[in-house]
Amino acid sequence: MNSRQRRGIILLLLSVLCAFGAFAGVLSVISDVNSKVGPEVAAYRLKNDVAPYKQLDAGQFEKISMPKRWLSANAVTDIAEVRGKIAVTQLQKGSLLQSDMIVKKPELGSGEQEIAIMIDAATGVAGKINPGSRVNIYATFEGEDEGQPNKSQVIVSGARVLDVGKITALEPGSNDRSRRAKDAVPITFALNTLDAQRVAYAESFAEHVRLALVADGSDTTISPRDREYTLDGDK
């Protein structure tokens, strides 16, 4: 074997070693990328803004794929999780859905029934009463006979709110006393039969029906002497 042949063999071996080195480098890069990216999983992104305490459905989200390691631990990867849920805060378009953004919609308990009434949007709701809130329901009545004082009564204490509807402009000319407000909001409560009758009576015959929000964790018990008020009682 002459010197030219030896140089050719050496160059060939070097080429083979370089090829193996390049191949190993490519494998290393691929391995590094896989370690940083990992397998992809489904995630769900909001198509539009969603207002707080509104019912959610699958059509409000678009499915995307993302590396699993880039998602937070509470990211929603199964759209079935939104069934029967509501948003707990304002959800922004383009945000990824997470489990702490949604809660189960309030439902009826044993012995409860739904009843909805219209409440003055300005004085009865003020944007702070939402599904799951506890409220005291007050009604004001005219004196039954001439000379008797007007009175305010707690019709129901600690009523649980199931749903808050949209502000509605009431039609003028209604004879119903509870329709004096120009704008009202339908509020749905979960009540037992007696409390539902009290609310229905108040909506039909009271001068006004108003709600008072009860702080979370507060005792909703009201003593009998505090359930009715007249101006004469302060004298």
C-alpha atoms as a PDB file:
ATOM      1  CA  MET A   1       0.000   0.000   0.000  1.00  0.00           C
ATOM      2  CA  ASN A   2       1.536   3.253  -1.054  1.00  0.00           C
ATOM      3  CA  SER A   3       1.357   6.569   0.783  1.00  0.00           C
ATOM      4  CA  ARG A   4      -1.501   7.900  -1.355  1.00  0.00           C
ATOM      5  CA  GLN A   5      -3.677   4.903  -0.499  1.00  0.00           C
ATOM      6  CA  ARG A   6      -2.831   5.244   3.184  1.00  0.00           C
ATOM      7  CA  ARG A   7      -3.876   8.912   3.144  1.00  0.00           C
ATOM      8  CA  GLY A   8      -7.121   7.969   1.405  1.00  0.00           C
ATOM      9  CA  ILE A   9      -7.937   5.381   4.034  1.00  0.00           C
ATOM     10  CA  ILE A  10      -7.111   7.807   6.844  1.00  0.00           C
ATOM     11  CA  LEU A  11      -9.362  10.501   5.287  1.00  0.00           C
ATOM     12  CA  LEU A  12     -12.135   7.933   4.845  1.00  0.00           C
ATOM     13  CA  LEU A  13     -11.881   6.920   8.495  1.00  0.00           C
ATOM     14  CA  LEU A  14     -11.919  10.563   9.573  1.00  0.00           C
ATOM     15  CA  SER A  15     -14.996  11.155   7.433  1.00  0.00           C
ATOM     16  CA  VAL A  16     -16.737   8.188   9.032  1.00  0.00           C
ATOM     17  CA  LEU A  17     -15.820   9.439  12.516  1.00  0.00           C
ATOM     18  CA  CYS A  18     -17.092  12.936  11.678  1.00  0.00           C
ATOM     19  CA  ALA A  19     -20.334  11.458  10.365  1.00  0.00           C
ATOM     20  CA  PHE A  20     -20.788   9.502  13.577  1.00  0.00           C
ATOM     21  CA  GLY A  21     -20.015  12.652  15.566  1.00  0.00           C
ATOM     22  CA  ALA A  22     -22.554  14.701  13.604  1.00  0.00           C
ATOM     23  CA  PHE A  23     -25.156  11.978  14.006  1.00  0.00           C
ATOM     24  CA  ALA A  24     -24.516  11.849  17.751  1.00  0.00           C
ATOM     25  CA  GLY A  25     -24.851  15.646  17.886  1.00  0.00           C
ATOM     26  CA  VAL A  26     -28.195  15.521  16.104  1.00  0.00           C
ATOM     27  CA  LEU A  27     -29.432  12.846  18.487  1.00  0.00           C
ATOM     28  CA  SER A  28     -28.274  14.959  21.426  1.00  0.00           C
ATOM     29  CA  VAL A  29     -30.146  18.019  20.120  1.00  0.00           C
ATOM     30  CA  ILE A  30     -33.309  15.978  19.541  1.00  0.00           C
ATOM     31  CA  SER A  31     -33.052  14.482  23.010  1.00  0.00           C
ATOM     32  CA  ASP A  32     -32.553  17.943  24.501  1.00  0.00           C
ATOM     33  CA  VAL A  33     -35.592  19.330  22.629  1.00  0.00           C
ATOM     34  CA  ASN A  34     -37.733  16.398  23.725  1.00  0.00           C
ATOM     35  CA  SER A  35     -36.648  16.873  27.310  1.00  0.00           C
ATOM     36  CA  LYS A  36     -37.643  20.561  27.173  1.00  0.00           C
ATOM     37  CA  VAL A  37     -40.875  20.132  25.240  1.00  0.00           C
ATOM     38  CA  GLY A  38     -42.124  16.662  26.075  1.00  0.00           C
ATOM     39  CA  PRO A  39     -45.438  15.169  24.938  1.00  0.00           C
ATOM     40  CA  GLU A  40     -48.254  17.468  23.896  1.00  0.00           C
ATOM     41  CA  VAL A  41     -51.707  17.488  25.477  1.00  0.00           C
ATOM     42  CA  ALA A  42     -55.013  19.226  24.772  1.00  0.00           C
ATOM     43  CA  ALA A  43     -55.754  22.614  26.303  1.00  0.00           C
ATOM     44  CA  TYR A  44     -58.665  24.996  25.837  1.00  0.00           C
ATOM     45  CA  ARG A  45     -58.543  28.684  24.993  1.00  0.00           C
ATOM     46  CA  LEU A  46     -61.394  31.187  25.298  1.00  0.00           C
ATOM     47  CA  LYS A  47     -62.855  32.419  22.017  1.00  0.00           C
ATOM     48  CA  ASN A  48     -64.431  35.502  23.603  1.00  0.00           C
ATOM     49  CA  ASP A  49     -64.718  37.265  26.958  1.00  0.00           C
ATOM     50  CA  VAL A  50     -67.024  35.584  29.470  1.00  0.00           C
ATOM     51  CA  ALA A  51     -68.756  37.585  32.206  1.00  0.00           C
ATOM     52  CA  PRO A  52     -68.548  36.420  35.832  1.00  0.00           C
ATOM     53  CA  TYR A  53     -71.104  33.873  37.108  1.00  0.00           C
ATOM     54  CA  LYS A  54     -72.316  32.980  33.624  1.00  0.00           C
ATOM     55  CA  GLN A  55     -73.055  29.432  32.534  1.00  0.00           C
ATOM     56  CA  LEU A  56     -70.247  27.890  30.485  1.00  0.00           C
ATOM     57  CA  ASP A  57     -70.461  25.580  27.490  1.00  0.00           C
ATOM     58  CA  ALA A  58     -67.928  23.853  25.272  1.00  0.00           C
ATOM     59  CA  GLY A  59     -68.663  26.152  22.331  1.00  0.00           C
ATOM     60  CA  GLN A  60     -66.996  29.070  24.137  1.00  0.00           C
ATOM     61  CA  PHE A  61     -63.574  27.408  23.880  1.00  0.00           C
ATOM     62  CA  GLU A  62     -61.217  26.273  21.139  1.00  0.00           C
ATOM     63  CA  LYS A  63     -59.034  23.203  21.493  1.00  0.00           C
ATOM     64  CA  ILE A  64     -55.279  23.650  21.107  1.00  0.00           C
ATOM     65  CA  SER A  65     -52.233  21.426  21.663  1.00  0.00           C
ATOM     66  CA  MET A  66     -49.444  22.420  24.031  1.00  0.00           C
ATOM     67  CA  PRO A  67     -46.456  20.697  25.617  1.00  0.00           C
ATOM     68  CA  LYS A  68     -47.615  19.161  28.869  1.00  0.00           C
ATOM     69  CA  ARG A  69     -44.731  20.631  30.850  1.00  0.00           C
ATOM     70  CA  TRP A  70     -45.741  24.169  29.818  1.00  0.00           C
ATOM     71  CA  LEU A  71     -49.226  23.848  31.286  1.00  0.00           C
ATOM     72  CA  SER A  72     -49.987  24.693  34.900  1.00  0.00           C
ATOM     73  CA  ALA A  73     -51.088  21.896  37.195  1.00  0.00           C
ATOM     74  CA  ASN A  74     -54.676  23.219  37.236  1.00  0.00           C
ATOM     75  CA  ALA A  75     -55.054  23.633  33.457  1.00  0.00           C
ATOM     76  CA  VAL A  76     -58.223  22.029  32.099  1.00  0.00           C
ATOM     77  CA  THR A  77     -57.404  19.280  29.588  1.00  0.00           C
ATOM     78  CA  ASP A  78     -60.913  17.790  29.320  1.00  0.00           C
ATOM     79  CA  ILE A  79     -63.646  20.141  28.093  1.00  0.00           C
ATOM     80  CA  ALA A  80     -66.270  18.009  29.848  1.00  0.00           C
ATOM     81  CA  GLU A  81     -65.177  19.745  33.062  1.00  0.00           C
ATOM     82  CA  VAL A  82     -67.125  22.894  32.111  1.00  0.00           C
ATOM     83  CA  ARG A  83     -70.458  21.045  32.116  1.00  0.00           C
ATOM     84  CA  GLY A  84     -72.676  22.549  34.812  1.00  0.00           C
ATOM     85  CA  LYS A  85     -70.038  25.137  35.748  1.00  0.00           C
ATOM     86  CA  ILE A  86     -69.994  28.942  35.884  1.00  0.00           C
ATOM     87  CA  ALA A  87     -67.150  31.458  35.696  1.00  0.00           C
ATOM     88  CA  VAL A  88     -66.035  32.810  39.070  1.00  0.00           C
ATOM     89  CA  THR A  89     -64.522  35.961  37.570  1.00  0.00           C
ATOM     90  CA  GLN A  90     -64.243  37.839  34.286  1.00  0.00           C
ATOM     91  CA  LEU A  91     -62.622  35.500  31.749  1.00  0.00           C
ATOM     92  CA  GLN A  92     -60.597  37.160  29.001  1.00  0.00           C
ATOM     93  CA  LYS A  93     -60.502  36.154  25.344  1.00  0.00           C
ATOM     94  CA  GLY A  94     -57.392  34.094  24.585  1.00  0.00           C
ATOM     95  CA  SER A  95     -56.893  32.898  28.159  1.00  0.00           C
ATOM     96  CA  LEU A  96     -56.240  29.227  28.813  1.00  0.00           C
ATOM     97  CA  LEU A  97     -58.978  27.614  30.866  1.00  0.00           C
ATOM     98  CA  GLN A  98     -57.950  26.580  34.384  1.00  0.00           C
ATOM     99  CA  SER A  99     -59.932  24.763  37.046  1.00  0.00           C
ATOM    100  CA  ASP A 100     -59.733  27.680  39.514  1.00  0.00           C
ATOM    101  CA  MET A 101     -61.589  29.872  37.005  1.00  0.00           C
ATOM    102  CA  ILE A 102     -64.791  27.843  37.277  1.00  0.00           C
ATOM    103  CA  VAL A 103     -67.079  26.466  39.981  1.00  0.00           C
ATOM    104  CA  LYS A 104     -70.116  24.244  40.029  1.00  0.00           C
ATOM    105  CA  LYS A 105     -73.364  26.094  39.454  1.00  0.00           C
ATOM    106  CA  PRO A 106     -75.488  26.287  42.636  1.00  0.00           C
ATOM    107  CA  GLU A 107     -78.206  23.638  42.673  1.00  0.00           C
ATOM    108  CA  LEU A 108     -81.343  22.898  44.653  1.00  0.00           C
ATOM    109  CA  GLY A 109     -80.998  20.995  47.891  1.00  0.00           C
ATOM    110  CA  SER A 110     -83.452  18.529  49.355  1.00  0.00           C
ATOM    111  CA  GLY A 111     -86.836  20.157  50.015  1.00  0.00           C
ATOM    112  CA  GLU A 112     -85.943  23.321  48.093  1.00  0.00           C
ATOM    113  CA  GLN A 113     -87.589  24.838  45.055  1.00  0.00           C
ATOM    114  CA  GLU A 114     -86.667  27.593  42.629  1.00  0.00           C
ATOM    115  CA  ILE A 115     -88.516  30.872  42.683  1.00  0.00           C
ATOM    116  CA  ALA A 116     -87.569  33.981  40.705  1.00  0.00           C
ATOM    117  CA  ILE A 117     -88.667  37.560  41.337  1.00  0.00           C
ATOM    118  CA  MET A 118     -87.831  40.897  39.774  1.00  0.00           C
ATOM    119  CA  ILE A 119     -85.683  43.151  41.956  1.00  0.00           C
ATOM    120  CA  ASP A 120     -84.983  46.849  41.430  1.00  0.00           C
ATOM    121  CA  ALA A 121     -81.606  46.919  39.654  1.00  0.00           C
ATOM    122  CA  ALA A 122     -80.518  50.146  41.348  1.00  0.00           C
ATOM    123  CA  THR A 123     -81.414  49.475  44.974  1.00  0.00           C
ATOM    124  CA  GLY A 124     -81.683  45.717  45.207  1.00  0.00           C
ATOM    125  CA  VAL A 125     -78.667  44.289  43.436  1.00  0.00           C
ATOM    126  CA  ALA A 126     -75.941  46.869  42.826  1.00  0.00           C
ATOM    127  CA  GLY A 127     -73.824  44.296  40.980  1.00  0.00           C
ATOM    128  CA  LYS A 128     -72.642  42.552  44.158  1.00  0.00           C
ATOM    129  CA  ILE A 129     -75.134  39.698  44.431  1.00  0.00           C
ATOM    130  CA  ASN A 130     -74.160  36.585  42.504  1.00  0.00           C
ATOM    131  CA  PRO A 131     -75.034  32.878  42.386  1.00  0.00           C
ATOM    132  CA  GLY A 132     -74.156  31.342  45.734  1.00  0.00           C
ATOM    133  CA  SER A 133     -74.661  34.593  47.670  1.00  0.00           C
ATOM    134  CA  ARG A 134     -76.777  34.665  50.826  1.00  0.00           C
ATOM    135  CA  VAL A 135     -79.217  37.542  51.193  1.00  0.00           C
ATOM    136  CA  ASN A 136     -81.929  38.791  53.493  1.00  0.00           C
ATOM    137  CA  ILE A 137     -85.140  39.678  51.658  1.00  0.00           C
ATOM    138  CA  TYR A 138     -86.931  42.789  52.937  1.00  0.00           C
ATOM    139  CA  ALA A 139     -90.391  44.006  52.026  1.00  0.00           C
ATOM    140  CA  THR A 140     -92.134  47.260  52.910  1.00  0.00           C
ATOM    141  CA  PHE A 141     -95.920  47.396  53.349  1.00  0.00           C
ATOM    142  CA  GLU A 142     -98.415  50.203  53.775  1.00  0.00           C
ATOM    143  CA  GLY A 143    -100.468  50.244  56.954  1.00  0.00           C
ATOM    144  CA  GLU A 144    -103.474  47.982  56.575  1.00  0.00           C
ATOM    145  CA  ASP A 145    -105.892  50.588  57.916  1.00  0.00           C
ATOM    146  CA  GLU A 146    -105.896  54.360  58.045  1.00  0.00           C
ATOM    147  CA  GLY A 147    -103.704  55.593  60.857  1.00  0.00           C
ATOM    148  CA  GLN A 148    -101.648  52.426  61.059  1.00  0.00           C
ATOM    149  CA  PRO A 149     -97.928  52.889  60.364  1.00  0.00           C
ATOM    150  CA  ASN A 150     -96.116  51.567  57.338  1.00  0.00           C
ATOM    151  CA  LYS A 151     -93.744  48.752  58.160  1.00  0.00           C
ATOM    152  CA  SER A 152     -90.685  46.959  56.880  1.00  0.00           C
ATOM    153  CA  GLN A 153     -90.320  43.212  57.373  1.00  0.00           C
ATOM    154  CA  VAL A 154     -87.655  40.585  56.864  1.00  0.00           C
ATOM    155  CA  ILE A 155     -89.546  38.144  54.671  1.00  0.00           C
ATOM    156  CA  VAL A 156     -86.738  35.579  54.397  1.00  0.00           C
ATOM    157  CA  SER A 157     -83.326  35.537  56.064  1.00  0.00           C
ATOM    158  CA  GLY A 158     -80.287  33.867  54.529  1.00  0.00           C
ATOM    159  CA  ALA A 159     -81.921  33.110  51.176  1.00  0.00           C
ATOM    160  CA  ARG A 160     -79.537  31.354  48.782  1.00  0.00           C
ATOM    161  CA  VAL A 161     -79.201  32.884  45.309  1.00  0.00           C
ATOM    162  CA  LEU A 162     -79.196  30.413  42.424  1.00  0.00           C
ATOM    163  CA  ASP A 163     -79.015  32.773  39.480  1.00  0.00           C
ATOM    164  CA  VAL A 164     -78.892  36.469  38.586  1.00  0.00           C
ATOM    165  CA  GLY A 165     -80.409  37.374  35.240  1.00  0.00           C
ATOM    166  CA  LYS A 166     -79.851  40.309  32.919  1.00  0.00           C
ATOM    167  CA  ILE A 167     -81.137  43.801  33.638  1.00  0.00           C
ATOM    168  CA  THR A 168     -84.562  44.159  32.047  1.00  0.00           C
ATOM    169  CA  ALA A 169     -86.459  47.336  31.212  1.00  0.00           C
ATOM    170  CA  LEU A 170     -89.950  46.938  32.669  1.00  0.00           C
ATOM    171  CA  GLU A 171     -92.991  47.812  30.637  1.00  0.00           C
ATOM    172  CA  PRO A 172     -94.765  51.005  31.776  1.00  0.00           C
ATOM    173  CA  GLY A 173     -98.335  50.953  32.895  1.00  0.00           C
ATOM    174  CA  SER A 174     -98.195  47.831  35.048  1.00  0.00           C
ATOM    175  CA  ASN A 175    -100.504  47.853  38.080  1.00  0.00           C
ATOM    176  CA  ASP A 176     -98.147  45.613  40.041  1.00  0.00           C
ATOM    177  CA  ARG A 177     -96.565  47.671  42.827  1.00  0.00           C
ATOM    178  CA  SER A 178     -93.298  45.794  42.471  1.00  0.00           C
ATOM    179  CA  ARG A 179     -92.995  47.050  38.889  1.00  0.00           C
ATOM    180  CA  ARG A 180     -92.429  50.711  39.811  1.00  0.00           C
ATOM    181  CA  ALA A 181     -88.718  50.510  39.056  1.00  0.00           C
ATOM    182  CA  LYS A 182     -87.710  51.237  35.469  1.00  0.00           C
ATOM    183  CA  ASP A 183     -85.037  48.524  35.387  1.00  0.00           C
ATOM    184  CA  ALA A 184     -85.098  45.252  37.264  1.00  0.00           C
ATOM    185  CA  VAL A 185     -83.107  42.056  37.502  1.00  0.00           C
ATOM    186  CA  PRO A 186     -84.627  38.574  37.813  1.00  0.00           C
ATOM    187  CA  ILE A 187     -83.145  36.848  40.849  1.00  0.00           C
ATOM    188  CA  THR A 188     -83.686  33.119  41.368  1.00  0.00           C
ATOM    189  CA  PHE A 189     -83.641  31.715  44.907  1.00  0.00           C
ATOM    190  CA  ALA A 190     -83.539  28.228  46.402  1.00  0.00           C
ATOM    191  CA  LEU A 191     -86.236  28.262  49.118  1.00  0.00           C
ATOM    192  CA  ASN A 192     -88.431  25.893  51.050  1.00  0.00           C
ATOM    193  CA  THR A 193     -92.163  26.013  50.415  1.00  0.00           C
ATOM    194  CA  LEU A 194     -93.031  28.476  53.208  1.00  0.00           C
ATOM    195  CA  ASP A 195     -90.278  30.927  52.305  1.00  0.00           C
ATOM    196  CA  ALA A 196     -91.233  30.699  48.627  1.00  0.00           C
ATOM    197  CA  GLN A 197     -94.816  31.648  49.582  1.00  0.00           C
ATOM    198  CA  ARG A 198     -93.525  34.588  51.614  1.00  0.00           C
ATOM    199  CA  VAL A 199     -91.491  35.855  48.678  1.00  0.00           C
ATOM    200  CA  ALA A 200     -94.387  35.413  46.247  1.00  0.00           C
ATOM    201  CA  TYR A 201     -96.694  37.311  48.605  1.00  0.00           C
ATOM    202  CA  ALA A 202     -94.202  40.131  49.062  1.00  0.00           C
ATOM    203  CA  GLU A 203     -93.640  40.531  45.322  1.00  0.00           C
ATOM    204  CA  SER A 204     -97.384  40.765  44.744  1.00  0.00           C
ATOM    205  CA  PHE A 205     -98.448  43.022  47.633  1.00  0.00           C
ATOM    206  CA  ALA A 206     -95.419  44.850  49.033  1.00  0.00           C
ATOM    207  CA  GLU A 207     -94.579  48.421  48.098  1.00  0.00           C
ATOM    208  CA  HIS A 208     -90.956  47.416  47.571  1.00  0.00           C
ATOM    209  CA  VAL A 209     -88.878  44.246  47.820  1.00  0.00           C
ATOM    210  CA  ARG A 210     -85.162  44.650  48.434  1.00  0.00           C
ATOM    211  CA  LEU A 211     -82.171  42.417  49.075  1.00  0.00           C
ATOM    212  CA  ALA A 212     -79.412  42.822  51.635  1.00  0.00           C
ATOM    213  CA  LEU A 213     -76.209  40.890  51.004  1.00  0.00           C
ATOM    214  CA  VAL A 214     -75.043  38.806  53.970  1.00  0.00           C
ATOM    215  CA  ALA A 215     -71.292  38.493  54.518  1.00  0.00           C
ATOM    216  CA  ASP A 216     -69.817  35.035  53.944  1.00  0.00           C
ATOM    217  CA  GLY A 217     -69.823  32.975  57.121  1.00  0.00           C
ATOM    218  CA  SER A 218     -72.185  35.323  58.967  1.00  0.00           C
ATOM    219  CA  ASP A 219     -75.013  34.043  61.156  1.00  0.00           C
ATOM    220  CA  THR A 220     -78.229  34.585  59.178  1.00  0.00           C
ATOM    221  CA  THR A 221     -80.495  34.147  62.209  1.00  0.00           C
ATOM    222  CA  ILE A 222     -82.639  37.208  62.948  1.00  0.00           C
ATOM    223  CA  SER A 223     -84.470  37.513  66.256  1.00  0.00           C
ATOM    224  CA  PRO A 224     -88.286  37.907  66.083  1.00  0.00           C
ATOM    225  CA  ARG A 225     -88.155  41.461  67.493  1.00  0.00           C
ATOM    226  CA  ASP A 226     -85.806  42.506  64.678  1.00  0.00           C
ATOM    227  CA  ARG A 227     -87.841  41.037  61.848  1.00  0.00           C
ATOM    228  CA  GLU A 228     -90.331  43.915  61.700  1.00  0.00           C
ATOM    229  CA  TYR A 229     -89.717  47.644  61.833  1.00  0.00           C
ATOM    230  CA  THR A 230     -91.964  50.710  62.041  1.00  0.00           C
ATOM    231  CA  LEU A 231     -90.953  54.320  62.397  1.00  0.00           C
ATOM    232  CA  ASP A 232     -92.960  54.493  65.645  1.00  0.00           C
ATOM    233  CA  GLY A 233     -90.662  51.831  67.069  1.00  0.00           C
ATOM    234  CA  ASP A 234     -87.772  54.322  67.123  1.00  0.00           C
ATOM    235  CA  LYS A 235     -89.652  56.846  69.245  1.00  0.00           C
END
